[in-house]
Amino acid sequence: RKETHVAKSPIEPIVGKEVIVGIDFGRTPSAIFAQQTIFGRWSIFHEVIGQDMGAGRFADILKKEIAKNNWEALDFKFVGDPAGN
C-alpha cells in the first residue's frame, strides 16, 4: 500500500546516525541512501541512478551528490553488491 510505504513529505537524514549507501554496479549503477530509525525501521531518503557508466564515474557522481545535499558531516558506510556486476 502506497500510503504505508511512501513518505508524505521528503525524508531528511538523521544527524548522528550512520548512513548506509547500498550500491549496485554494472553499466546502469544505482545507489540508495538509508538509515535505520530508532524504532528499527529502514528509511530510504535518497537514490541515485547512473546510465552507461562504470564504477569510477559513478563514485564521482555519489561524491557530488553528497556535497550538493550538504551531507559531508554525516557518517557513511558504503556497501556494494557482492556480485560486483
C-alpha atoms as a PDB file:
ATOM      1  CA  ARG A   1       0.000   0.000   0.000  1.00  0.00           C
ATOM      2  CA  LYS A   2       1.416   3.316  -1.094  1.00  0.00           C
ATOM      3  CA  GLU A   3       0.198   5.163   1.997  1.00  0.00           C
ATOM      4  CA  THR A   4       2.180   2.704   4.128  1.00  0.00           C
ATOM      5  CA  HIS A   5       5.444   2.661   2.186  1.00  0.00           C
ATOM      6  CA  VAL A   6       5.807   6.148   0.696  1.00  0.00           C
ATOM      7  CA  ALA A   7       6.522   9.233   2.799  1.00  0.00           C
ATOM      8  CA  LYS A   8       4.054  12.097   2.598  1.00  0.00           C
ATOM      9  CA  SER A   9       6.935  14.600   2.672  1.00  0.00           C
ATOM     10  CA  PRO A  10      10.670  14.463   1.902  1.00  0.00           C
ATOM     11  CA  ILE A  11      12.730  12.436   4.374  1.00  0.00           C
ATOM     12  CA  GLU A  12      15.815  14.109   5.788  1.00  0.00           C
ATOM     13  CA  PRO A  13      18.767  12.124   7.134  1.00  0.00           C
ATOM     14  CA  ILE A  14      19.155  11.844  10.893  1.00  0.00           C
ATOM     15  CA  VAL A  15      22.337  13.551  12.077  1.00  0.00           C
ATOM     16  CA  GLY A  16      24.388  11.217  14.257  1.00  0.00           C
ATOM     17  CA  LYS A  17      23.017   8.023  12.678  1.00  0.00           C
ATOM     18  CA  GLU A  18      25.129   6.086  10.183  1.00  0.00           C
ATOM     19  CA  VAL A  19      24.005   6.357   6.566  1.00  0.00           C
ATOM     20  CA  ILE A  20      24.180   3.105   4.623  1.00  0.00           C
ATOM     21  CA  VAL A  21      24.748   3.589   0.902  1.00  0.00           C
ATOM     22  CA  GLY A  22      23.769   0.412  -0.922  1.00  0.00           C
ATOM     23  CA  ILE A  23      25.316   0.281  -4.383  1.00  0.00           C
ATOM     24  CA  ASP A  24      24.524  -1.896  -7.387  1.00  0.00           C
ATOM     25  CA  PHE A  25      27.129  -1.874 -10.136  1.00  0.00           C
ATOM     26  CA  GLY A  26      27.021  -2.528 -13.863  1.00  0.00           C
ATOM     27  CA  ARG A  27      26.571  -0.136 -16.773  1.00  0.00           C
ATOM     28  CA  THR A  28      23.447   1.264 -15.077  1.00  0.00           C
ATOM     29  CA  PRO A  29      24.675   1.652 -11.496  1.00  0.00           C
ATOM     30  CA  SER A  30      22.374   2.752  -8.719  1.00  0.00           C
ATOM     31  CA  ALA A  31      22.597   3.603  -5.048  1.00  0.00           C
ATOM     32  CA  ILE A  32      20.217   4.144  -2.169  1.00  0.00           C
ATOM     33  CA  PHE A  33      20.917   6.206   0.938  1.00  0.00           C
ATOM     34  CA  ALA A  34      19.309   4.652   4.003  1.00  0.00           C
ATOM     35  CA  GLN A  35      19.250   4.867   7.778  1.00  0.00           C
ATOM     36  CA  GLN A  36      17.735   2.710  10.444  1.00  0.00           C
ATOM     37  CA  THR A  37      15.465   4.729  12.723  1.00  0.00           C
ATOM     38  CA  ILE A  38      15.411   4.425  16.496  1.00  0.00           C
ATOM     39  CA  PHE A  39      12.290   2.274  16.039  1.00  0.00           C
ATOM     40  CA  GLY A  40      14.183  -0.224  13.860  1.00  0.00           C
ATOM     41  CA  ARG A  41      12.627   0.817  10.560  1.00  0.00           C
ATOM     42  CA  TRP A  42      14.743   1.422   7.493  1.00  0.00           C
ATOM     43  CA  SER A  43      14.272   4.815   5.925  1.00  0.00           C
ATOM     44  CA  ILE A  44      15.385   5.293   2.306  1.00  0.00           C
ATOM     45  CA  PHE A  45      15.834   9.033   1.903  1.00  0.00           C
ATOM     46  CA  HIS A  46      17.686   9.342  -1.400  1.00  0.00           C
ATOM     47  CA  GLU A  47      18.571   7.440  -4.560  1.00  0.00           C
ATOM     48  CA  VAL A  48      20.983   7.952  -7.430  1.00  0.00           C
ATOM     49  CA  ILE A  49      20.800   6.150 -10.773  1.00  0.00           C
ATOM     50  CA  GLY A  50      23.505   6.333 -13.420  1.00  0.00           C
ATOM     51  CA  GLN A  51      23.386   5.359 -17.063  1.00  0.00           C
ATOM     52  CA  ASP A  52      26.101   3.935 -19.276  1.00  0.00           C
ATOM     53  CA  MET A  53      28.983   4.428 -16.840  1.00  0.00           C
ATOM     54  CA  GLY A  54      31.470   2.454 -14.828  1.00  0.00           C
ATOM     55  CA  ALA A  55      32.144   2.377 -11.098  1.00  0.00           C
ATOM     56  CA  GLY A  56      34.733   5.190 -11.111  1.00  0.00           C
ATOM     57  CA  ARG A  57      32.459   7.715 -12.766  1.00  0.00           C
ATOM     58  CA  PHE A  58      29.537   6.651 -10.573  1.00  0.00           C
ATOM     59  CA  ALA A  59      31.691   7.141  -7.452  1.00  0.00           C
ATOM     60  CA  ASP A  60      32.369  10.720  -8.582  1.00  0.00           C
ATOM     61  CA  ILE A  61      28.630  11.280  -9.003  1.00  0.00           C
ATOM     62  CA  LEU A  62      27.963   9.958  -5.484  1.00  0.00           C
ATOM     63  CA  LYS A  63      30.601  12.319  -4.042  1.00  0.00           C
ATOM     64  CA  LYS A  64      28.992  15.262  -5.841  1.00  0.00           C
ATOM     65  CA  GLU A  65      25.538  14.209  -4.633  1.00  0.00           C
ATOM     66  CA  ILE A  66      26.752  14.146  -1.017  1.00  0.00           C
ATOM     67  CA  ALA A  67      28.293  17.615  -1.407  1.00  0.00           C
ATOM     68  CA  LYS A  68      25.234  19.015  -3.213  1.00  0.00           C
ATOM     69  CA  ASN A  69      22.991  17.961  -0.327  1.00  0.00           C
ATOM     70  CA  ASN A  70      25.419  19.225   2.359  1.00  0.00           C
ATOM     71  CA  TRP A  71      25.803  15.754   3.872  1.00  0.00           C
ATOM     72  CA  GLU A  72      29.595  15.884   4.343  1.00  0.00           C
ATOM     73  CA  ALA A  73      29.230  15.789   8.147  1.00  0.00           C
ATOM     74  CA  LEU A  74      27.238  12.532   8.075  1.00  0.00           C
ATOM     75  CA  ASP A  75      28.870   9.164   8.737  1.00  0.00           C
ATOM     76  CA  PHE A  76      28.634   6.929   5.649  1.00  0.00           C
ATOM     77  CA  LYS A  77      29.084   3.202   5.173  1.00  0.00           C
ATOM     78  CA  PHE A  78      29.209   2.102   1.535  1.00  0.00           C
ATOM     79  CA  VAL A  79      28.037  -1.429   0.761  1.00  0.00           C
ATOM     80  CA  GLY A  80      28.306  -2.841  -2.745  1.00  0.00           C
ATOM     81  CA  ASP A  81      26.610  -5.736  -4.467  1.00  0.00           C
ATOM     82  CA  PRO A  82      28.900  -8.686  -3.679  1.00  0.00           C
ATOM     83  CA  ALA A  83      28.481  -9.974  -7.239  1.00  0.00           C
ATOM     84  CA  GLY A  84      30.126  -6.739  -8.388  1.00  0.00           C
ATOM     85  CA  ASN A  85      28.176  -6.505 -11.616  1.00  0.00           C
END
